[in-house]
Amino acid sequence: MPWWVTILVAVLSVFGGGTLGSLLSVRRVGRKIAAETEQSRADAVTVIAEAAKGMVEPLAKSLKVAEERADRLNNKLMLAEAEVQELRGQVERLTKDVQAKQAELDELKGAR
């Protein structure tokens, strides 16, 4: 084998082998960075989900309490409306009674 082939093979081994190793290392590091990025995204999603859950649970409890209070107030309102109707009926009957008594008094005064 000629001497220049030996030198060429030696040079390619030194520089070419390093370049090939660097390329393989870059690919490996790139895959590692991509995997770490995905893990970071997954961790961020978990943190955000936990934070949202922590915010939603108290709001859900407050909403439930507010709905229960609204139901109680609605029941009280319905009872009050029924009582108002009953009182209106009583006022109407009493007004008629007073008018009838007034008519009787007017008759008695006129008969004198």
Protein backbone atom coordinates (compact mmCIF):
# COMPACT_ATOMS: atom_id res chain seq x y z
CA MET A 1 0.00 0.00 0.00
CA PRO A 2 1.33 3.42 -0.89
CA TRP A 3 2.52 5.66 1.92
CA TRP A 4 -0.02 8.40 1.06
CA VAL A 5 -2.93 5.95 1.54
CA THR A 6 -1.69 5.21 5.02
CA ILE A 7 -1.48 8.91 5.82
CA LEU A 8 -4.93 9.54 4.29
CA VAL A 9 -6.46 6.72 6.33
CA ALA A 10 -4.77 8.05 9.48
CA VAL A 11 -6.01 11.60 8.84
CA LEU A 12 -9.54 10.41 8.08
CA SER A 13 -9.50 8.26 11.18
CA VAL A 14 -8.48 11.15 13.35
CA PHE A 15 -10.70 13.85 11.85
CA GLY A 16 -13.43 11.79 10.20
CA GLY A 17 -13.92 9.53 13.22
CA GLY A 18 -14.23 12.55 15.50
CA THR A 19 -16.77 14.14 13.19
CA LEU A 20 -18.83 10.98 13.02
CA GLY A 21 -18.67 10.67 16.80
CA SER A 22 -19.69 14.31 17.17
CA LEU A 23 -22.64 13.82 14.84
CA LEU A 24 -23.79 10.79 16.80
CA SER A 25 -23.32 12.71 20.07
CA VAL A 26 -25.32 15.67 18.73
CA ARG A 27 -28.18 13.36 17.75
CA ARG A 28 -28.13 11.70 21.18
CA VAL A 29 -28.08 15.07 22.97
CA GLY A 30 -30.88 16.32 20.70
CA ARG A 31 -33.06 13.35 21.60
CA LYS A 32 -32.26 13.86 25.28
CA ILE A 33 -33.23 17.55 25.08
CA ALA A 34 -36.46 16.66 23.26
CA ALA A 35 -37.33 14.10 25.95
CA GLU A 36 -36.55 16.58 28.72
CA THR A 37 -38.68 19.21 26.99
CA GLU A 38 -41.62 16.81 26.81
CA GLN A 39 -41.15 15.93 30.47
CA SER A 40 -41.06 19.64 31.36
CA ARG A 41 -44.28 20.19 29.42
CA ALA A 42 -45.93 17.26 31.18
CA ASP A 43 -44.78 18.61 34.55
CA ALA A 44 -46.12 22.07 33.67
CA VAL A 45 -49.48 20.59 32.68
CA THR A 46 -49.61 18.71 35.99
CA VAL A 47 -48.80 21.85 37.97
CA ILE A 48 -51.41 23.88 36.09
CA ALA A 49 -54.03 21.16 36.54
CA GLU A 50 -53.38 20.97 40.27
CA ALA A 51 -53.56 24.75 40.58
CA ALA A 52 -56.82 24.82 38.65
CA LYS A 53 -58.21 22.04 40.81
CA GLY A 54 -57.21 23.97 43.91
CA MET A 55 -59.09 27.01 42.61
CA VAL A 56 -62.16 25.19 41.32
CA GLU A 57 -62.91 23.11 44.43
CA PRO A 58 -63.51 26.11 46.74
CA LEU A 59 -65.57 27.80 44.04
CA ALA A 60 -67.69 24.67 43.64
CA LYS A 61 -68.28 24.57 47.39
CA SER A 62 -69.22 28.26 47.42
CA LEU A 63 -71.59 27.70 44.51
CA LYS A 64 -73.25 24.80 46.31
CA VAL A 65 -73.74 26.92 49.45
CA ALA A 66 -75.14 29.78 47.35
CA GLU A 67 -77.55 27.43 45.55
CA GLU A 68 -78.76 25.99 48.86
CA ARG A 69 -79.31 29.51 50.21
CA ALA A 70 -81.15 30.49 47.04
CA ASP A 71 -83.42 27.45 47.45
CA ARG A 72 -84.18 28.39 51.07
CA LEU A 73 -84.90 32.00 50.08
CA ASN A 74 -87.13 30.83 47.25
CA ASN A 75 -89.11 28.67 49.68
CA LYS A 76 -89.48 31.63 52.06
CA LEU A 77 -90.62 33.81 49.18
CA MET A 78 -93.26 31.28 48.15
CA LEU A 79 -94.54 31.10 51.74
CA ALA A 80 -94.60 34.91 51.98
CA GLU A 81 -96.50 35.19 48.70
CA ALA A 82 -99.07 32.64 49.95
CA GLU A 83 -99.43 34.64 53.18
CA VAL A 84 -99.89 37.87 51.21
CA GLN A 85 -102.66 36.24 49.17
CA GLU A 86 -104.36 35.06 52.36
CA LEU A 87 -104.10 38.53 53.91
CA ARG A 88 -105.51 40.14 50.77
CA GLY A 89 -108.48 37.81 51.00
CA GLN A 90 -108.99 38.73 54.65
CA VAL A 91 -108.76 42.46 53.84
CA GLU A 92 -111.30 42.02 51.06
CA ARG A 93 -113.70 40.18 53.39
CA LEU A 94 -113.24 42.75 56.15
CA THR A 95 -113.80 45.61 53.70
CA LYS A 96 -117.05 44.00 52.59
CA ASP A 97 -118.07 43.49 56.24
CA VAL A 98 -117.33 47.15 57.04
CA GLN A 99 -119.25 48.28 53.96
CA ALA A 100 -122.20 46.10 54.98
CA LYS A 101 -122.14 47.48 58.54
CA GLN A 102 -121.88 51.01 57.19
CA ALA A 103 -124.88 50.37 54.98
CA GLU A 104 -126.80 49.07 58.02
CA LEU A 105 -125.86 52.20 60.00
CA ASP A 106 -126.91 54.43 57.12
CA GLU A 107 -130.26 52.60 56.99
CA LEU A 108 -130.75 52.99 60.72
CA LYS A 109 -129.94 56.69 60.56
CA GLY A 110 -132.31 57.14 57.67
CA ALA A 111 -135.12 55.30 59.48
CA ARG A 112 -135.08 57.74 62.38
